[in-house]
PDB file of N, CA and C in Angstrom:
ATOM      1  N   MET A   1       4.141  13.034  96.931  1.00  0.00           N
ATOM      2  CA  MET A   1       4.516  11.495  97.081  1.00  0.00           C
ATOM      3  C   MET A   1       4.412  10.922  98.416  1.00  0.00           C
ATOM      4  N   CYS A   2       4.857  11.850  99.354  1.00  0.00           N
ATOM      5  CA  CYS A   2       4.733  11.363 100.890  1.00  0.00           C
ATOM      6  C   CYS A   2       3.317  11.124 101.305  1.00  0.00           C
ATOM      7  N   LYS A   3       2.455  11.802 100.772  1.00  0.00           N
ATOM      8  CA  LYS A   3       1.047  11.696 101.292  1.00  0.00           C
ATOM      9  C   LYS A   3       0.487  10.399 100.516  1.00  0.00           C
ATOM     10  N   ALA A   4       0.894  10.270  99.261  1.00  0.00           N
ATOM     11  CA  ALA A   4       0.488   8.916  98.661  1.00  0.00           C
ATOM     12  C   ALA A   4       0.801   7.699  99.335  1.00  0.00           C
ATOM     13  N   ILE A   5       2.078   7.637  99.945  1.00  0.00           N
ATOM     14  CA  ILE A   5       2.602   6.583 100.678  1.00  0.00           C
ATOM     15  C   ILE A   5       2.264   6.484 102.138  1.00  0.00           C
ATOM     16  N   GLY A   6       1.531   7.535 102.533  1.00  0.00           N
ATOM     17  CA  GLY A   6       1.389   7.615 104.128  1.00  0.00           C
ATOM     18  C   GLY A   6       2.539   7.975 105.009  1.00  0.00           C
ATOM     19  N   ASP A   7       3.399   8.798 104.371  1.00  0.00           N
ATOM     20  CA  ASP A   7       4.544   9.200 105.288  1.00  0.00           C
ATOM     21  C   ASP A   7       4.117  10.436 105.748  1.00  0.00           C
ATOM     22  N   VAL A   8       3.443  10.583 106.806  1.00  0.00           N
ATOM     23  CA  VAL A   8       3.032  11.866 107.492  1.00  0.00           C
ATOM     24  C   VAL A   8       4.223  12.765 107.872  1.00  0.00           C
ATOM     25  N   HIS A   9       5.359  12.137 108.301  1.00  0.00           N
ATOM     26  CA  HIS A   9       6.350  13.119 108.733  1.00  0.00           C
ATOM     27  C   HIS A   9       7.066  13.702 107.403  1.00  0.00           C
ATOM     28  N   GLY A  10       7.315  12.920 106.442  1.00  0.00           N
ATOM     29  CA  GLY A  10       7.765  13.559 105.234  1.00  0.00           C
ATOM     30  C   GLY A  10       6.702  14.471 104.693  1.00  0.00           C
ATOM     31  N   GLU A  11       5.612  14.238 104.649  1.00  0.00           N
ATOM     32  CA  GLU A  11       4.527  15.410 104.048  1.00  0.00           C
ATOM     33  C   GLU A  11       4.641  16.585 104.958  1.00  0.00           C
ATOM     34  N   ALA A  12       4.657  16.582 106.152  1.00  0.00           N
ATOM     35  CA  ALA A  12       4.889  17.592 107.096  1.00  0.00           C
ATOM     36  C   ALA A  12       6.203  18.387 106.747  1.00  0.00           C
ATOM     37  N   LEU A  13       7.435  17.658 106.661  1.00  0.00           N
ATOM     38  CA  LEU A  13       8.556  18.315 106.137  1.00  0.00           C
ATOM     39  C   LEU A  13       8.314  19.042 104.834  1.00  0.00           C
ATOM     40  N   SER A  14       7.650  18.559 103.843  1.00  0.00           N
ATOM     41  CA  SER A  14       7.520  18.959 102.471  1.00  0.00           C
ATOM     42  C   SER A  14       6.762  20.185 102.521  1.00  0.00           C
ATOM     43  N   TYR A  15       5.589  20.105 103.481  1.00  0.00           N
ATOM     44  CA  TYR A  15       4.827  21.476 103.645  1.00  0.00           C
ATOM     45  C   TYR A  15       5.614  22.628 104.313  1.00  0.00           C
ATOM     46  N   ASN A  16       6.487  22.264 105.068  1.00  0.00           N
ATOM     47  CA  ASN A  16       7.207  23.170 105.680  1.00  0.00           C
ATOM     48  C   ASN A  16       8.168  23.829 104.664  1.00  0.00           C
ATOM     49  N   CYS A  17       9.044  22.877 103.766  1.00  0.00           N
ATOM     50  CA  CYS A  17       9.795  23.367 102.903  1.00  0.00           C
ATOM     51  C   CYS A  17       9.297  24.252 101.818  1.00  0.00           C
ATOM     52  N   ILE A  18       8.037  23.997 101.374  1.00  0.00           N
ATOM     53  CA  ILE A  18       7.440  24.781 100.386  1.00  0.00           C
ATOM     54  C   ILE A  18       6.880  25.964 100.809  1.00  0.00           C
ATOM     55  N   GLY A  19       6.521  25.955 102.181  1.00  0.00           N
ATOM     56  CA  GLY A  19       6.080  27.087 103.025  1.00  0.00           C
ATOM     57  C   GLY A  19       7.105  28.222 102.874  1.00  0.00           C
ATOM     58  N   VAL A  20       8.332  27.627 103.370  1.00  0.00           N
ATOM     59  CA  VAL A  20       9.529  28.444 103.640  1.00  0.00           C
ATOM     60  C   VAL A  20      10.090  29.105 102.264  1.00  0.00           C
ATOM     61  N   ASP A  21       9.818  28.154 100.991  1.00  0.00           N
ATOM     62  CA  ASP A  21      10.241  28.764  99.618  1.00  0.00           C
ATOM     63  C   ASP A  21       9.410  29.993  99.557  1.00  0.00           C
ATOM     64  N   TYR A  22       8.176  29.746  99.640  1.00  0.00           N
ATOM     65  CA  TYR A  22       7.176  30.966  99.285  1.00  0.00           C
ATOM     66  C   TYR A  22       7.306  32.197 100.249  1.00  0.00           C
ATOM     67  N   MET A  23       7.779  31.838 101.504  1.00  0.00           N
ATOM     68  CA  MET A  23       8.090  32.923 102.367  1.00  0.00           C
ATOM     69  C   MET A  23       9.068  33.740 101.929  1.00  0.00           C
ATOM     70  N   LYS A  24      10.235  33.023 101.324  1.00  0.00           N
ATOM     71  CA  LYS A  24      11.428  33.747 100.868  1.00  0.00           C
ATOM     72  C   LYS A  24      10.931  34.499  99.657  1.00  0.00           C
ATOM     73  N   LEU A  25      10.265  33.878  98.695  1.00  0.00           N
ATOM     74  CA  LEU A  25       9.695  34.729  97.504  1.00  0.00           C
ATOM     75  C   LEU A  25       8.877  35.855  97.827  1.00  0.00           C
ATOM     76  N   GLY A  26       8.190  35.802  98.980  1.00  0.00           N
ATOM     77  CA  GLY A  26       7.452  37.047  99.427  1.00  0.00           C
ATOM     78  C   GLY A  26       8.416  38.053  99.896  1.00  0.00           C
ATOM     79  N   GLU A  27       9.507  37.711 100.316  1.00  0.00           N
ATOM     80  CA  GLU A  27      10.541  38.692 100.836  1.00  0.00           C
ATOM     81  C   GLU A  27      11.226  39.253  99.644  1.00  0.00           C
ATOM     82  N   THR A  28      11.333  38.626  98.550  1.00  0.00           N
ATOM     83  CA  THR A  28      12.187  39.192  97.426  1.00  0.00           C
ATOM     84  C   THR A  28      11.566  39.533  96.251  1.00  0.00           C
ATOM     85  N   ASP A  29      10.367  38.642  96.078  1.00  0.00           N
ATOM     86  CA  ASP A  29       9.699  38.857  94.661  1.00  0.00           C
ATOM     87  C   ASP A  29       8.379  39.501  94.943  1.00  0.00           C
ATOM     88  N   SER A  30       7.347  38.950  95.431  1.00  0.00           N
ATOM     89  CA  SER A  30       6.200  39.821  95.617  1.00  0.00           C
ATOM     90  C   SER A  30       5.455  39.143  96.862  1.00  0.00           C
ATOM     91  N   PRO A  31       5.079  40.206  97.711  1.00  0.00           N
ATOM     92  CA  PRO A  31       4.279  39.897  98.787  1.00  0.00           C
ATOM     93  C   PRO A  31       3.006  38.924  98.736  1.00  0.00           C
ATOM     94  N   ASP A  32       2.637  38.694  97.541  1.00  0.00           N
ATOM     95  CA  ASP A  32       1.445  37.833  97.247  1.00  0.00           C
ATOM     96  C   ASP A  32       1.903  36.379  97.544  1.00  0.00           C
ATOM     97  N   ASN A  33       3.142  36.308  97.468  1.00  0.00           N
ATOM     98  CA  ASN A  33       3.596  34.817  97.835  1.00  0.00           C
ATOM     99  C   ASN A  33       3.562  34.473  99.330  1.00  0.00           C
ATOM    100  N   TYR A  34       3.240  35.481 100.171  1.00  0.00           N
ATOM    101  CA  TYR A  34       3.066  35.096 101.681  1.00  0.00           C
ATOM    102  C   TYR A  34       1.784  34.425 101.817  1.00  0.00           C
ATOM    103  N   LYS A  35       0.833  34.638 101.002  1.00  0.00           N
ATOM    104  CA  LYS A  35      -0.561  34.011 101.205  1.00  0.00           C
ATOM    105  C   LYS A  35      -0.412  32.412 100.777  1.00  0.00           C
ATOM    106  N   GLU A  36       0.437  32.120  99.922  1.00  0.00           N
ATOM    107  CA  GLU A  36       0.823  30.790  99.620  1.00  0.00           C
ATOM    108  C   GLU A  36       1.637  30.134 100.779  1.00  0.00           C
ATOM    109  N   ALA A  37       2.616  30.724 101.382  1.00  0.00           N
ATOM    110  CA  ALA A  37       3.341  30.340 102.339  1.00  0.00           C
ATOM    111  C   ALA A  37       2.528  30.096 103.591  1.00  0.00           C
ATOM    112  N   ILE A  38       1.582  30.908 103.951  1.00  0.00           N
ATOM    113  CA  ILE A  38       0.738  30.859 105.106  1.00  0.00           C
ATOM    114  C   ILE A  38      -0.240  29.456 104.816  1.00  0.00           C
ATOM    115  N   GLU A  39      -0.605  29.264 103.693  1.00  0.00           N
ATOM    116  CA  GLU A  39      -1.543  28.059 103.204  1.00  0.00           C
ATOM    117  C   GLU A  39      -0.614  26.778 103.584  1.00  0.00           C
ATOM    118  N   TYR A  40       0.705  26.727 103.190  1.00  0.00           N
ATOM    119  CA  TYR A  40       1.636  25.521 103.558  1.00  0.00           C
ATOM    120  C   TYR A  40       2.009  25.558 104.904  1.00  0.00           C
ATOM    121  N   HIS A  41       2.147  26.409 105.727  1.00  0.00           N
ATOM    122  CA  HIS A  41       2.542  26.273 106.893  1.00  0.00           C
ATOM    123  C   HIS A  41       1.281  25.959 107.767  1.00  0.00           C
ATOM    124  N   ASN A  42       0.047  26.314 107.150  1.00  0.00           N
ATOM    125  CA  ASN A  42      -1.020  25.948 108.200  1.00  0.00           C
ATOM    126  C   ASN A  42      -1.214  24.437 107.772  1.00  0.00           C
ATOM    127  N   LYS A  43      -1.055  23.866 106.625  1.00  0.00           N
ATOM    128  CA  LYS A  43      -1.111  22.421 106.325  1.00  0.00           C
ATOM    129  C   LYS A  43       0.044  21.627 107.319  1.00  0.00           C
ATOM    130  N   HIS A  44       1.222  22.204 107.313  1.00  0.00           N
ATOM    131  CA  HIS A  44       2.170  21.579 108.222  1.00  0.00           C
ATOM    132  C   HIS A  44       1.803  21.459 109.459  1.00  0.00           C
ATOM    133  N   LYS A  45       1.158  22.767 110.170  1.00  0.00           N
ATOM    134  CA  LYS A  45       0.718  22.676 111.469  1.00  0.00           C
ATOM    135  C   LYS A  45      -0.356  21.745 111.609  1.00  0.00           C
ATOM    136  N   GLU A  46      -1.142  21.514 110.927  1.00  0.00           N
ATOM    137  CA  GLU A  46      -2.219  20.581 110.950  1.00  0.00           C
ATOM    138  C   GLU A  46      -1.787  19.118 111.355  1.00  0.00           C
ATOM    139  N   ILE A  47      -0.813  18.531 110.555  1.00  0.00           N
ATOM    140  CA  ILE A  47      -0.388  17.087 110.662  1.00  0.00           C
ATOM    141  C   ILE A  47       0.939  17.113 111.474  1.00  0.00           C
ATOM    142  N   ALA A  48       1.391  18.065 112.004  1.00  0.00           N
ATOM    143  CA  ALA A  48       2.764  18.001 112.563  1.00  0.00           C
ATOM    144  C   ALA A  48       2.847  17.640 113.989  1.00  0.00           C
ATOM    145  N   ASP A  49       3.966  16.962 114.367  1.00  0.00           N
ATOM    146  CA  ASP A  49       4.128  16.641 115.752  1.00  0.00           C
ATOM    147  C   ASP A  49       4.175  17.982 116.697  1.00  0.00           C
ATOM    148  N   VAL A  50       4.648  17.908 117.731  1.00  0.00           N
ATOM    149  CA  VAL A  50       4.804  19.009 118.763  1.00  0.00           C
ATOM    150  C   VAL A  50       5.980  20.007 118.203  1.00  0.00           C
ATOM    151  N   ALA A  51       7.001  19.278 117.773  1.00  0.00           N
ATOM    152  CA  ALA A  51       8.069  20.098 117.291  1.00  0.00           C
ATOM    153  C   ALA A  51       7.759  20.737 116.073  1.00  0.00           C
ATOM    154  N   GLY A  52       7.023  20.143 115.234  1.00  0.00           N
ATOM    155  CA  GLY A  52       6.782  20.730 113.966  1.00  0.00           C
ATOM    156  C   GLY A  52       5.547  21.916 114.050  1.00  0.00           C
ATOM    157  N   LYS A  53       4.878  21.647 115.110  1.00  0.00           N
ATOM    158  CA  LYS A  53       3.800  22.800 115.187  1.00  0.00           C
ATOM    159  C   LYS A  53       4.531  24.119 115.864  1.00  0.00           C
ATOM    160  N   PHE A  54       5.450  23.820 116.609  1.00  0.00           N
ATOM    161  CA  PHE A  54       6.392  24.913 117.032  1.00  0.00           C
ATOM    162  C   PHE A  54       6.761  25.576 116.012  1.00  0.00           C
ATOM    163  N   LEU A  55       7.601  24.948 115.009  1.00  0.00           N
ATOM    164  CA  LEU A  55       8.181  25.557 113.799  1.00  0.00           C
ATOM    165  C   LEU A  55       7.216  26.255 112.944  1.00  0.00           C
ATOM    166  N   ALA A  56       5.987  25.589 112.640  1.00  0.00           N
ATOM    167  CA  ALA A  56       4.887  26.194 111.930  1.00  0.00           C
ATOM    168  C   ALA A  56       4.618  27.501 112.419  1.00  0.00           C
ATOM    169  N   HIS A  57       4.261  27.492 113.935  1.00  0.00           N
ATOM    170  CA  HIS A  57       3.852  28.894 114.364  1.00  0.00           C
ATOM    171  C   HIS A  57       5.035  29.700 114.209  1.00  0.00           C
ATOM    172  N   ILE A  58       6.273  29.445 114.479  1.00  0.00           N
ATOM    173  CA  ILE A  58       7.576  30.386 114.095  1.00  0.00           C
ATOM    174  C   ILE A  58       7.384  31.022 112.860  1.00  0.00           C
ATOM    175  N   ASN A  59       7.276  30.158 111.838  1.00  0.00           N
ATOM    176  CA  ASN A  59       7.247  30.629 110.642  1.00  0.00           C
ATOM    177  C   ASN A  59       6.027  31.624 110.276  1.00  0.00           C
ATOM    178  N   LEU A  60       4.746  31.199 110.771  1.00  0.00           N
ATOM    179  CA  LEU A  60       3.676  32.069 110.502  1.00  0.00           C
ATOM    180  C   LEU A  60       3.885  33.320 111.220  1.00  0.00           C
ATOM    181  N   GLY A  61       4.457  33.200 112.301  1.00  0.00           N
ATOM    182  CA  GLY A  61       4.583  34.608 113.101  1.00  0.00           C
ATOM    183  C   GLY A  61       5.622  35.508 112.306  1.00  0.00           C
ATOM    184  N   ILE A  62       6.529  34.998 111.624  1.00  0.00           N
ATOM    185  CA  ILE A  62       7.497  35.683 110.880  1.00  0.00           C
ATOM    186  C   ILE A  62       6.791  36.273 109.665  1.00  0.00           C
ATOM    187  N   ILE A  63       5.935  35.489 108.917  1.00  0.00           N
ATOM    188  CA  ILE A  63       5.209  35.884 107.904  1.00  0.00           C
ATOM    189  C   ILE A  63       4.333  37.028 108.247  1.00  0.00           C
ATOM    190  N   TYR A  64       3.462  36.768 109.181  1.00  0.00           N
ATOM    191  CA  TYR A  64       2.399  37.819 109.537  1.00  0.00           C
ATOM    192  C   TYR A  64       3.138  39.239 109.881  1.00  0.00           C
ATOM    193  N   ASN A  65       4.406  38.973 110.696  1.00  0.00           N
ATOM    194  CA  ASN A  65       5.269  40.152 110.909  1.00  0.00           C
ATOM    195  C   ASN A  65       5.617  41.066 109.749  1.00  0.00           C
ATOM    196  N   ASN A  66       6.222  40.079 108.735  1.00  0.00           N
ATOM    197  CA  ASN A  66       6.512  40.906 107.529  1.00  0.00           C
ATOM    198  C   ASN A  66       5.381  41.409 106.663  1.00  0.00           C
ATOM    199  N   MET A  67       4.408  40.849 106.905  1.00  0.00           N
ATOM    200  CA  MET A  67       3.090  41.499 106.338  1.00  0.00           C
ATOM    201  C   MET A  67       2.596  42.729 106.955  1.00  0.00           C
ATOM    202  N   GLY A  68       3.206  42.918 108.050  1.00  0.00           N
ATOM    203  CA  GLY A  68       2.664  44.115 109.163  1.00  0.00           C
ATOM    204  C   GLY A  68       1.407  43.791 109.872  1.00  0.00           C
ATOM    205  N   ASP A  69       1.096  42.464 109.997  1.00  0.00           N
ATOM    206  CA  ASP A  69      -0.082  42.205 110.832  1.00  0.00           C
ATOM    207  C   ASP A  69       0.508  41.793 112.258  1.00  0.00           C
ATOM    208  N   HIS A  70       0.829  42.541 113.276  1.00  0.00           N
ATOM    209  CA  HIS A  70       1.584  42.268 114.221  1.00  0.00           C
ATOM    210  C   HIS A  70       0.829  41.463 115.400  1.00  0.00           C
ATOM    211  N   GLU A  71      -0.651  41.561 115.273  1.00  0.00           N
ATOM    212  CA  GLU A  71      -1.431  40.977 116.050  1.00  0.00           C
ATOM    213  C   GLU A  71      -1.253  39.452 115.984  1.00  0.00           C
ATOM    214  N   LYS A  72      -1.502  38.945 114.598  1.00  0.00           N
ATOM    215  CA  LYS A  72      -1.407  37.501 114.260  1.00  0.00           C
ATOM    216  C   LYS A  72      -0.049  37.146 114.486  1.00  0.00           C
ATOM    217  N   ALA A  73       0.963  37.981 114.129  1.00  0.00           N
ATOM    218  CA  ALA A  73       2.423  37.722 114.620  1.00  0.00           C
ATOM    219  C   ALA A  73       2.582  37.100 115.983  1.00  0.00           C
ATOM    220  N   THR A  74       1.954  38.145 116.744  1.00  0.00           N
ATOM    221  CA  THR A  74       2.236  37.767 118.301  1.00  0.00           C
ATOM    222  C   THR A  74       1.535  36.574 118.698  1.00  0.00           C
ATOM    223  N   ILE A  75       0.207  36.341 118.045  1.00  0.00           N
ATOM    224  CA  ILE A  75      -0.458  35.162 118.500  1.00  0.00           C
ATOM    225  C   ILE A  75       0.257  34.065 118.153  1.00  0.00           C
ATOM    226  N   ASN A  76       0.735  33.816 116.901  1.00  0.00           N
ATOM    227  CA  ASN A  76       1.521  32.757 116.389  1.00  0.00           C
ATOM    228  C   ASN A  76       2.696  32.491 117.295  1.00  0.00           C
ATOM    229  N   HIS A  77       3.622  33.370 117.856  1.00  0.00           N
ATOM    230  CA  HIS A  77       4.653  33.162 118.373  1.00  0.00           C
ATOM    231  C   HIS A  77       4.410  32.933 119.800  1.00  0.00           C
ATOM    232  N   HIS A  78       3.212  33.297 120.255  1.00  0.00           N
ATOM    233  CA  HIS A  78       2.660  32.910 121.535  1.00  0.00           C
ATOM    234  C   HIS A  78       2.352  31.452 121.550  1.00  0.00           C
ATOM    235  N   PHE A  79       1.875  30.843 120.432  1.00  0.00           N
ATOM    236  CA  PHE A  79       1.415  29.497 120.448  1.00  0.00           C
ATOM    237  C   PHE A  79       2.920  28.806 120.238  1.00  0.00           C
ATOM    238  N   ALA A  80       3.878  29.288 119.601  1.00  0.00           N
ATOM    239  CA  ALA A  80       5.193  28.703 119.400  1.00  0.00           C
ATOM    240  C   ALA A  80       5.821  28.436 120.667  1.00  0.00           C
ATOM    241  N   LEU A  81       5.661  29.464 121.643  1.00  0.00           N
ATOM    242  CA  LEU A  81       6.362  29.509 123.119  1.00  0.00           C
ATOM    243  C   LEU A  81       5.585  28.406 123.908  1.00  0.00           C
ATOM    244  N   ARG A  82       4.284  28.271 123.729  1.00  0.00           N
ATOM    245  CA  ARG A  82       3.451  26.973 124.299  1.00  0.00           C
ATOM    246  C   ARG A  82       4.062  25.642 123.985  1.00  0.00           C
ATOM    247  N   TYR A  83       4.307  25.583 122.602  1.00  0.00           N
ATOM    248  CA  TYR A  83       4.895  24.293 122.227  1.00  0.00           C
ATOM    249  C   TYR A  83       6.373  23.957 122.649  1.00  0.00           C
ATOM    250  N   ALA A  84       7.003  25.085 122.725  1.00  0.00           N
ATOM    251  CA  ALA A  84       8.419  25.058 123.290  1.00  0.00           C
ATOM    252  C   ALA A  84       8.537  24.634 124.553  1.00  0.00           C
ATOM    253  N   VAL A  85       7.663  25.137 125.427  1.00  0.00           N
ATOM    254  CA  VAL A  85       7.648  24.898 126.957  1.00  0.00           C
ATOM    255  C   VAL A  85       7.147  23.242 127.151  1.00  0.00           C
TER     256      VAL A  85
END
């Protein structure tokens, strides 16, 4: 809906919320949901403002850490730190 009406901020928030939902499902239901979470957090990251990019990278770092990919987790947390500064 947000995309259709040109509400970029709402679209970014929607991608974040859907990504978090899939992230939580990955923790409790099936790790395959992490792939969906990554997709939505990357969509969020692409259109977000600086604060949104910070949040997207934090979430991506958490997901990759939960998946055991510590290198990608570290990279995303470093990007988040850059946006925080």
